[in-house]
Amino acid sequence: MPAGNSVDLKVENETIQKTTKCPSAFKCLSDKNFPLCAPESSIPGYGLFVHPAEINSCNYKMSFGNGFICTCPTRYEIFSRYKR
């Protein structure tokens, strides 16, 4: 990995184990340039309303009305811990 490209986000091992459908091999935890979906608001205990990042499909992104919900356990914990 190129110098300066690393990100220092930590999530619980239990959360990683729950994230069984990650299409990006957890790049959100290792690459600061990886595009995260922008959080709009939290759905406590379930996920996030998000503005999708410009990445290909994600197994955790679901259309909901005029918006999107992210149900990724790792993304939810990143938001909960780091507010990003």
PDB file of N, CA and C in Angstrom:
ATOM      1  N   MET A   1       0.844  -1.173   0.000  1.00  0.00           N
ATOM      2  CA  MET A   1       0.000   0.000   0.000  1.00  0.00           C
ATOM      3  C   MET A   1       0.888   1.234   0.000  1.00  0.00           C
ATOM      4  N   PRO A   2       0.601   2.233  -0.838  1.00  0.00           N
ATOM      5  CA  PRO A   2       1.433   3.429  -0.888  1.00  0.00           C
ATOM      6  C   PRO A   2       1.428   4.180   0.431  1.00  0.00           C
ATOM      7  N   ALA A   3       2.543   4.807   0.762  1.00  0.00           N
ATOM      8  CA  ALA A   3       2.643   5.584   1.988  1.00  0.00           C
ATOM      9  C   ALA A   3       1.601   6.689   1.973  1.00  0.00           C
ATOM     10  N   GLY A   4       1.009   6.952   3.126  1.00  0.00           N
ATOM     11  CA  GLY A   4       0.029   8.003   3.233  1.00  0.00           C
ATOM     12  C   GLY A   4      -1.366   7.607   2.774  1.00  0.00           C
ATOM     13  N   ASN A   5      -1.541   6.383   2.314  1.00  0.00           N
ATOM     14  CA  ASN A   5      -2.833   5.932   1.827  1.00  0.00           C
ATOM     15  C   ASN A   5      -3.601   5.153   2.889  1.00  0.00           C
ATOM     16  N   SER A   6      -2.961   4.853   3.997  1.00  0.00           N
ATOM     17  CA  SER A   6      -3.554   4.046   5.050  1.00  0.00           C
ATOM     18  C   SER A   6      -4.535   4.869   5.878  1.00  0.00           C
ATOM     19  N   VAL A   7      -5.557   4.205   6.377  1.00  0.00           N
ATOM     20  CA  VAL A   7      -6.528   4.830   7.270  1.00  0.00           C
ATOM     21  C   VAL A   7      -6.544   4.003   8.552  1.00  0.00           C
ATOM     22  N   ASP A   8      -6.743   4.655   9.670  1.00  0.00           N
ATOM     23  CA  ASP A   8      -6.666   3.956  10.948  1.00  0.00           C
ATOM     24  C   ASP A   8      -8.045   3.832  11.580  1.00  0.00           C
ATOM     25  N   LEU A   9      -8.942   3.093  10.935  1.00  0.00           N
ATOM     26  CA  LEU A   9     -10.267   2.841  11.477  1.00  0.00           C
ATOM     27  C   LEU A   9     -10.278   1.454  12.086  1.00  0.00           C
ATOM     28  N   LYS A  10     -10.803   1.373  13.271  1.00  0.00           N
ATOM     29  CA  LYS A  10     -10.890   0.089  13.964  1.00  0.00           C
ATOM     30  C   LYS A  10     -12.353  -0.254  14.191  1.00  0.00           C
ATOM     31  N   VAL A  11     -12.698  -1.505  13.970  1.00  0.00           N
ATOM     32  CA  VAL A  11     -14.027  -2.009  14.296  1.00  0.00           C
ATOM     33  C   VAL A  11     -13.858  -3.336  15.038  1.00  0.00           C
ATOM     34  N   GLU A  12     -14.870  -3.702  15.770  1.00  0.00           N
ATOM     35  CA  GLU A  12     -14.829  -4.944  16.549  1.00  0.00           C
ATOM     36  C   GLU A  12     -14.737  -6.160  15.625  1.00  0.00           C
ATOM     37  N   ASN A  13     -14.020  -7.180  16.061  1.00  0.00           N
ATOM     38  CA  ASN A  13     -13.923  -8.427  15.287  1.00  0.00           C
ATOM     39  C   ASN A  13     -15.308  -9.026  15.046  1.00  0.00           C
ATOM     40  N   GLU A  14     -16.181  -8.908  16.020  1.00  0.00           N
ATOM     41  CA  GLU A  14     -17.547  -9.418  15.886  1.00  0.00           C
ATOM     42  C   GLU A  14     -18.263  -8.735  14.708  1.00  0.00           C
ATOM     43  N   THR A  15     -18.008  -7.456  14.535  1.00  0.00           N
ATOM     44  CA  THR A  15     -18.613  -6.717  13.426  1.00  0.00           C
ATOM     45  C   THR A  15     -18.067  -7.215  12.095  1.00  0.00           C
ATOM     46  N   ILE A  16     -16.765  -7.422  12.028  1.00  0.00           N
ATOM     47  CA  ILE A  16     -16.147  -7.951  10.801  1.00  0.00           C
ATOM     48  C   ILE A  16     -16.767  -9.307  10.456  1.00  0.00           C
ATOM     49  N   GLN A  17     -16.959 -10.150  11.451  1.00  0.00           N
ATOM     50  CA  GLN A  17     -17.529 -11.472  11.215  1.00  0.00           C
ATOM     51  C   GLN A  17     -18.970 -11.403  10.723  1.00  0.00           C
ATOM     52  N   LYS A  18     -19.704 -10.350  11.115  1.00  0.00           N
ATOM     53  CA  LYS A  18     -21.078 -10.167  10.648  1.00  0.00           C
ATOM     54  C   LYS A  18     -21.134  -9.628   9.226  1.00  0.00           C
ATOM     55  N   THR A  19     -20.057  -9.025   8.772  1.00  0.00           N
ATOM     56  CA  THR A  19     -20.017  -8.420   7.438  1.00  0.00           C
ATOM     57  C   THR A  19     -19.573  -9.482   6.434  1.00  0.00           C
ATOM     58  N   THR A  20     -20.493 -10.350   6.098  1.00  0.00           N
ATOM     59  CA  THR A  20     -20.162 -11.529   5.282  1.00  0.00           C
ATOM     60  C   THR A  20     -20.280 -11.304   3.782  1.00  0.00           C
ATOM     61  N   LYS A  21     -20.849 -10.157   3.358  1.00  0.00           N
ATOM     62  CA  LYS A  21     -21.090  -9.939   1.934  1.00  0.00           C
ATOM     63  C   LYS A  21     -20.308  -8.740   1.395  1.00  0.00           C
ATOM     64  N   CYS A  22     -19.192  -8.380   2.014  1.00  0.00           N
ATOM     65  CA  CYS A  22     -18.439  -7.201   1.593  1.00  0.00           C
ATOM     66  C   CYS A  22     -17.830  -7.416   0.204  1.00  0.00           C
ATOM     67  N   PRO A  23     -18.233  -6.586  -0.783  1.00  0.00           N
ATOM     68  CA  PRO A  23     -17.704  -6.745  -2.125  1.00  0.00           C
ATOM     69  C   PRO A  23     -16.345  -6.069  -2.322  1.00  0.00           C
ATOM     70  N   SER A  24     -15.876  -5.346  -1.300  1.00  0.00           N
ATOM     71  CA  SER A  24     -14.656  -4.546  -1.448  1.00  0.00           C
ATOM     72  C   SER A  24     -13.512  -4.982  -0.552  1.00  0.00           C
ATOM     73  N   ALA A  25     -13.629  -6.153   0.035  1.00  0.00           N
ATOM     74  CA  ALA A  25     -12.563  -6.703   0.883  1.00  0.00           C
ATOM     75  C   ALA A  25     -12.144  -5.730   1.986  1.00  0.00           C
ATOM     76  N   PHE A  26     -13.113  -5.037   2.579  1.00  0.00           N
ATOM     77  CA  PHE A  26     -12.893  -4.134   3.708  1.00  0.00           C
ATOM     78  C   PHE A  26     -11.914  -3.001   3.398  1.00  0.00           C
ATOM     79  N   LYS A  27     -11.919  -2.519   2.156  1.00  0.00           N
ATOM     80  CA  LYS A  27     -11.050  -1.390   1.804  1.00  0.00           C
ATOM     81  C   LYS A  27     -11.386  -0.146   2.614  1.00  0.00           C
ATOM     82  N   CYS A  28     -12.615  -0.041   3.106  1.00  0.00           N
ATOM     83  CA  CYS A  28     -13.002   1.110   3.925  1.00  0.00           C
ATOM     84  C   CYS A  28     -12.144   1.212   5.179  1.00  0.00           C
ATOM     85  N   LEU A  29     -11.559   0.103   5.613  1.00  0.00           N
ATOM     86  CA  LEU A  29     -10.719   0.088   6.807  1.00  0.00           C
ATOM     87  C   LEU A  29      -9.240   0.280   6.501  1.00  0.00           C
ATOM     88  N   SER A  30      -8.853   0.136   5.238  1.00  0.00           N
ATOM     89  CA  SER A  30      -7.428   0.162   4.927  1.00  0.00           C
ATOM     90  C   SER A  30      -7.003   1.224   3.919  1.00  0.00           C
ATOM     91  N   ASP A  31      -7.960   1.842   3.228  1.00  0.00           N
ATOM     92  CA  ASP A  31      -7.613   2.795   2.178  1.00  0.00           C
ATOM     93  C   ASP A  31      -8.382   4.094   2.394  1.00  0.00           C
ATOM     94  N   LYS A  32      -7.677   5.160   2.758  1.00  0.00           N
ATOM     95  CA  LYS A  32      -8.361   6.424   3.062  1.00  0.00           C
ATOM     96  C   LYS A  32      -9.021   7.038   1.837  1.00  0.00           C
ATOM     97  N   ASN A  33      -8.666   6.601   0.654  1.00  0.00           N
ATOM     98  CA  ASN A  33      -9.273   7.113  -0.573  1.00  0.00           C
ATOM     99  C   ASN A  33     -10.474   6.292  -1.034  1.00  0.00           C
ATOM    100  N   PHE A  34     -10.793   5.240  -0.304  1.00  0.00           N
ATOM    101  CA  PHE A  34     -11.943   4.418  -0.679  1.00  0.00           C
ATOM    102  C   PHE A  34     -13.211   5.228  -0.429  1.00  0.00           C
ATOM    103  N   PRO A  35     -14.101   5.329  -1.428  1.00  0.00           N
ATOM    104  CA  PRO A  35     -15.293   6.167  -1.282  1.00  0.00           C
ATOM    105  C   PRO A  35     -16.377   5.515  -0.429  1.00  0.00           C
ATOM    106  N   LEU A  36     -16.606   6.080   0.749  1.00  0.00           N
ATOM    107  CA  LEU A  36     -17.691   5.619   1.602  1.00  0.00           C
ATOM    108  C   LEU A  36     -18.979   6.323   1.198  1.00  0.00           C
ATOM    109  N   CYS A  37     -20.091   5.638   1.325  1.00  0.00           N
ATOM    110  CA  CYS A  37     -21.373   6.301   1.135  1.00  0.00           C
ATOM    111  C   CYS A  37     -21.530   7.327   2.257  1.00  0.00           C
ATOM    112  N   ALA A  38     -21.976   8.530   1.900  1.00  0.00           N
ATOM    113  CA  ALA A  38     -22.118   9.611   2.877  1.00  0.00           C
ATOM    114  C   ALA A  38     -23.344   9.366   3.758  1.00  0.00           C
ATOM    115  N   PRO A  39     -23.145   9.340   5.088  1.00  0.00           N
ATOM    116  CA  PRO A  39     -24.281   9.106   5.976  1.00  0.00           C
ATOM    117  C   PRO A  39     -25.196  10.321   6.025  1.00  0.00           C
ATOM    118  N   GLU A  40     -26.490  10.061   6.005  1.00  0.00           N
ATOM    119  CA  GLU A  40     -27.481  11.123   6.159  1.00  0.00           C
ATOM    120  C   GLU A  40     -28.070  11.067   7.561  1.00  0.00           C
ATOM    121  N   SER A  41     -28.427   9.873   8.016  1.00  0.00           N
ATOM    122  CA  SER A  41     -28.915   9.698   9.377  1.00  0.00           C
ATOM    123  C   SER A  41     -28.846   8.224   9.746  1.00  0.00           C
ATOM    124  N   SER A  42     -28.858   7.982  11.029  1.00  0.00           N
ATOM    125  CA  SER A  42     -28.737   6.626  11.553  1.00  0.00           C
ATOM    126  C   SER A  42     -30.112   6.001  11.749  1.00  0.00           C
ATOM    127  N   ILE A  43     -30.164   4.700  11.562  1.00  0.00           N
ATOM    128  CA  ILE A  43     -31.327   3.896  11.916  1.00  0.00           C
ATOM    129  C   ILE A  43     -30.818   3.001  13.055  1.00  0.00           C
ATOM    130  N   PRO A  44     -30.956   3.446  14.304  1.00  0.00           N
ATOM    131  CA  PRO A  44     -30.324   2.749  15.437  1.00  0.00           C
ATOM    132  C   PRO A  44     -30.532   1.238  15.429  1.00  0.00           C
ATOM    133  N   GLY A  45     -29.408   0.532  15.521  1.00  0.00           N
ATOM    134  CA  GLY A  45     -29.422  -0.916  15.562  1.00  0.00           C
ATOM    135  C   GLY A  45     -29.639  -1.593  14.222  1.00  0.00           C
ATOM    136  N   TYR A  46     -29.774  -0.807  13.150  1.00  0.00           N
ATOM    137  CA  TYR A  46     -30.069  -1.422  11.855  1.00  0.00           C
ATOM    138  C   TYR A  46     -29.119  -0.992  10.755  1.00  0.00           C
ATOM    139  N   GLY A  47     -28.917   0.308  10.586  1.00  0.00           N
ATOM    140  CA  GLY A  47     -28.098   0.786   9.481  1.00  0.00           C
ATOM    141  C   GLY A  47     -28.129   2.289   9.375  1.00  0.00           C
ATOM    142  N   LEU A  48     -27.943   2.766   8.146  1.00  0.00           N
ATOM    143  CA  LEU A  48     -27.862   4.195   7.884  1.00  0.00           C
ATOM    144  C   LEU A  48     -28.650   4.554   6.640  1.00  0.00           C
ATOM    145  N   PHE A  49     -29.260   5.734   6.644  1.00  0.00           N
ATOM    146  CA  PHE A  49     -29.691   6.336   5.402  1.00  0.00           C
ATOM    147  C   PHE A  49     -28.441   6.966   4.821  1.00  0.00           C
ATOM    148  N   VAL A  50     -28.174   6.724   3.539  1.00  0.00           N
ATOM    149  CA  VAL A  50     -26.935   7.207   2.932  1.00  0.00           C
ATOM    150  C   VAL A  50     -27.180   7.846   1.577  1.00  0.00           C
ATOM    151  N   HIS A  51     -26.229   8.678   1.199  1.00  0.00           N
ATOM    152  CA  HIS A  51     -26.113   9.159  -0.173  1.00  0.00           C
ATOM    153  C   HIS A  51     -25.020   8.290  -0.774  1.00  0.00           C
ATOM    154  N   PRO A  52     -25.340   7.430  -1.745  1.00  0.00           N
ATOM    155  CA  PRO A  52     -24.368   6.449  -2.230  1.00  0.00           C
ATOM    156  C   PRO A  52     -23.104   7.070  -2.827  1.00  0.00           C
ATOM    157  N   ALA A  53     -21.993   6.428  -2.551  1.00  0.00           N
ATOM    158  CA  ALA A  53     -20.725   6.784  -3.180  1.00  0.00           C
ATOM    159  C   ALA A  53     -20.764   6.302  -4.614  1.00  0.00           C
ATOM    160  N   GLU A  54     -19.899   6.855  -5.414  1.00  0.00           N
ATOM    161  CA  GLU A  54     -19.856   6.443  -6.821  1.00  0.00           C
ATOM    162  C   GLU A  54     -18.981   5.201  -6.979  1.00  0.00           C
ATOM    163  N   ILE A  55     -19.477   4.115  -6.443  1.00  0.00           N
ATOM    164  CA  ILE A  55     -18.804   2.825  -6.606  1.00  0.00           C
ATOM    165  C   ILE A  55     -19.805   1.872  -7.244  1.00  0.00           C
ATOM    166  N   ASN A  56     -19.297   0.759  -7.706  1.00  0.00           N
ATOM    167  CA  ASN A  56     -20.208  -0.207  -8.304  1.00  0.00           C
ATOM    168  C   ASN A  56     -21.153  -0.750  -7.243  1.00  0.00           C
ATOM    169  N   SER A  57     -21.850  -1.777  -7.548  1.00  0.00           N
ATOM    170  CA  SER A  57     -22.866  -2.290  -6.635  1.00  0.00           C
ATOM    171  C   SER A  57     -22.279  -2.718  -5.286  1.00  0.00           C
ATOM    172  N   CYS A  58     -23.117  -2.623  -4.285  1.00  0.00           N
ATOM    173  CA  CYS A  58     -22.741  -3.053  -2.940  1.00  0.00           C
ATOM    174  C   CYS A  58     -23.874  -3.918  -2.411  1.00  0.00           C
ATOM    175  N   ASN A  59     -23.525  -5.027  -1.834  1.00  0.00           N
ATOM    176  CA  ASN A  59     -24.515  -5.970  -1.316  1.00  0.00           C
ATOM    177  C   ASN A  59     -25.317  -5.418  -0.149  1.00  0.00           C
ATOM    178  N   TYR A  60     -24.866  -4.336   0.465  1.00  0.00           N
ATOM    179  CA  TYR A  60     -25.527  -3.774   1.636  1.00  0.00           C
ATOM    180  C   TYR A  60     -26.327  -2.508   1.323  1.00  0.00           C
ATOM    181  N   LYS A  61     -26.274  -2.008   0.110  1.00  0.00           N
ATOM    182  CA  LYS A  61     -26.999  -0.795  -0.273  1.00  0.00           C
ATOM    183  C   LYS A  61     -28.367  -1.188  -0.823  1.00  0.00           C
ATOM    184  N   MET A  62     -29.411  -0.629  -0.204  1.00  0.00           N
ATOM    185  CA  MET A  62     -30.769  -0.952  -0.626  1.00  0.00           C
ATOM    186  C   MET A  62     -31.532   0.323  -0.944  1.00  0.00           C
ATOM    187  N   SER A  63     -32.268   0.295  -2.035  1.00  0.00           N
ATOM    188  CA  SER A  63     -33.130   1.409  -2.385  1.00  0.00           C
ATOM    189  C   SER A  63     -34.287   1.456  -1.395  1.00  0.00           C
ATOM    190  N   PHE A  64     -34.631   2.687  -0.954  1.00  0.00           N
ATOM    191  CA  PHE A  64     -35.727   2.858  -0.004  1.00  0.00           C
ATOM    192  C   PHE A  64     -36.413   4.178  -0.323  1.00  0.00           C
ATOM    193  N   GLY A  65     -37.573   4.117  -0.953  1.00  0.00           N
ATOM    194  CA  GLY A  65     -38.255   5.345  -1.365  1.00  0.00           C
ATOM    195  C   GLY A  65     -37.386   6.113  -2.346  1.00  0.00           C
ATOM    196  N   ASN A  66     -37.118   7.376  -2.035  1.00  0.00           N
ATOM    197  CA  ASN A  66     -36.270   8.207  -2.890  1.00  0.00           C
ATOM    198  C   ASN A  66     -34.811   8.180  -2.466  1.00  0.00           C
ATOM    199  N   GLY A  67     -34.455   7.327  -1.513  1.00  0.00           N
ATOM    200  CA  GLY A  67     -33.086   7.292  -1.008  1.00  0.00           C
ATOM    201  C   GLY A  67     -32.535   5.886  -0.935  1.00  0.00           C
ATOM    202  N   PHE A  68     -31.513   5.747  -0.091  1.00  0.00           N
ATOM    203  CA  PHE A  68     -30.850   4.454   0.068  1.00  0.00           C
ATOM    204  C   PHE A  68     -30.563   4.193   1.537  1.00  0.00           C
ATOM    205  N   ILE A  69     -30.583   2.927   1.880  1.00  0.00           N
ATOM    206  CA  ILE A  69     -30.221   2.468   3.217  1.00  0.00           C
ATOM    207  C   ILE A  69     -29.001   1.577   3.082  1.00  0.00           C
ATOM    208  N   CYS A  70     -28.057   1.740   3.997  1.00  0.00           N
ATOM    209  CA  CYS A  70     -26.889   0.866   4.082  1.00  0.00           C
ATOM    210  C   CYS A  70     -27.063  -0.018   5.312  1.00  0.00           C
ATOM    211  N   THR A  71     -26.999  -1.325   5.110  1.00  0.00           N
ATOM    212  CA  THR A  71     -27.142  -2.270   6.216  1.00  0.00           C
ATOM    213  C   THR A  71     -25.819  -2.947   6.570  1.00  0.00           C
ATOM    214  N   CYS A  72     -24.715  -2.406   6.075  1.00  0.00           N
ATOM    215  CA  CYS A  72     -23.401  -2.996   6.339  1.00  0.00           C
ATOM    216  C   CYS A  72     -23.023  -2.806   7.807  1.00  0.00           C
ATOM    217  N   PRO A  73     -22.787  -3.891   8.533  1.00  0.00           N
ATOM    218  CA  PRO A  73     -22.406  -3.760   9.938  1.00  0.00           C
ATOM    219  C   PRO A  73     -21.125  -2.950  10.136  1.00  0.00           C
ATOM    220  N   THR A  74     -20.152  -3.118   9.243  1.00  0.00           N
ATOM    221  CA  THR A  74     -18.893  -2.382   9.358  1.00  0.00           C
ATOM    222  C   THR A  74     -19.112  -0.899   9.102  1.00  0.00           C
ATOM    223  N   ARG A  75     -19.887  -0.549   8.091  1.00  0.00           N
ATOM    224  CA  ARG A  75     -20.162   0.863   7.797  1.00  0.00           C
ATOM    225  C   ARG A  75     -20.910   1.516   8.949  1.00  0.00           C
ATOM    226  N   TYR A  76     -21.861   0.789   9.539  1.00  0.00           N
ATOM    227  CA  TYR A  76     -22.626   1.305  10.672  1.00  0.00           C
ATOM    228  C   TYR A  76     -21.704   1.583  11.866  1.00  0.00           C
ATOM    229  N   GLU A  77     -20.772   0.678  12.126  1.00  0.00           N
ATOM    230  CA  GLU A  77     -19.850   0.887  13.253  1.00  0.00           C
ATOM    231  C   GLU A  77     -18.888   2.049  12.961  1.00  0.00           C
ATOM    232  N   ILE A  78     -18.429   2.193  11.732  1.00  0.00           N
ATOM    233  CA  ILE A  78     -17.573   3.341  11.384  1.00  0.00           C
ATOM    234  C   ILE A  78     -18.325   4.641  11.669  1.00  0.00           C
ATOM    235  N   PHE A  79     -19.588   4.709  11.274  1.00  0.00           N
ATOM    236  CA  PHE A  79     -20.375   5.898  11.558  1.00  0.00           C
ATOM    237  C   PHE A  79     -20.548   6.100  13.052  1.00  0.00           C
ATOM    238  N   SER A  80     -20.892   5.040  13.769  1.00  0.00           N
ATOM    239  CA  SER A  80     -21.140   5.143  15.210  1.00  0.00           C
ATOM    240  C   SER A  80     -19.897   5.584  15.976  1.00  0.00           C
ATOM    241  N   ARG A  81     -18.735   5.077  15.596  1.00  0.00           N
ATOM    242  CA  ARG A  81     -17.488   5.401  16.303  1.00  0.00           C
ATOM    243  C   ARG A  81     -16.860   6.719  15.871  1.00  0.00           C
ATOM    244  N   TYR A  82     -16.857   6.957  14.565  1.00  0.00           N
ATOM    245  CA  TYR A  82     -16.063   8.061  14.009  1.00  0.00           C
ATOM    246  C   TYR A  82     -16.907   9.183  13.390  1.00  0.00           C
ATOM    247  N   LYS A  83     -18.215   8.993  13.353  1.00  0.00           N
ATOM    248  CA  LYS A  83     -19.134   9.999  12.767  1.00  0.00           C
ATOM    249  C   LYS A  83     -18.750  10.362  11.344  1.00  0.00           C
ATOM    250  N   ARG A  84     -18.277   9.384  10.609  1.00  0.00           N
ATOM    251  CA  ARG A  84     -17.977   9.607   9.189  1.00  0.00           C
ATOM    252  C   ARG A  84     -18.640   8.568   8.324  1.00  0.00           C
TER     253      ARG A  84
END
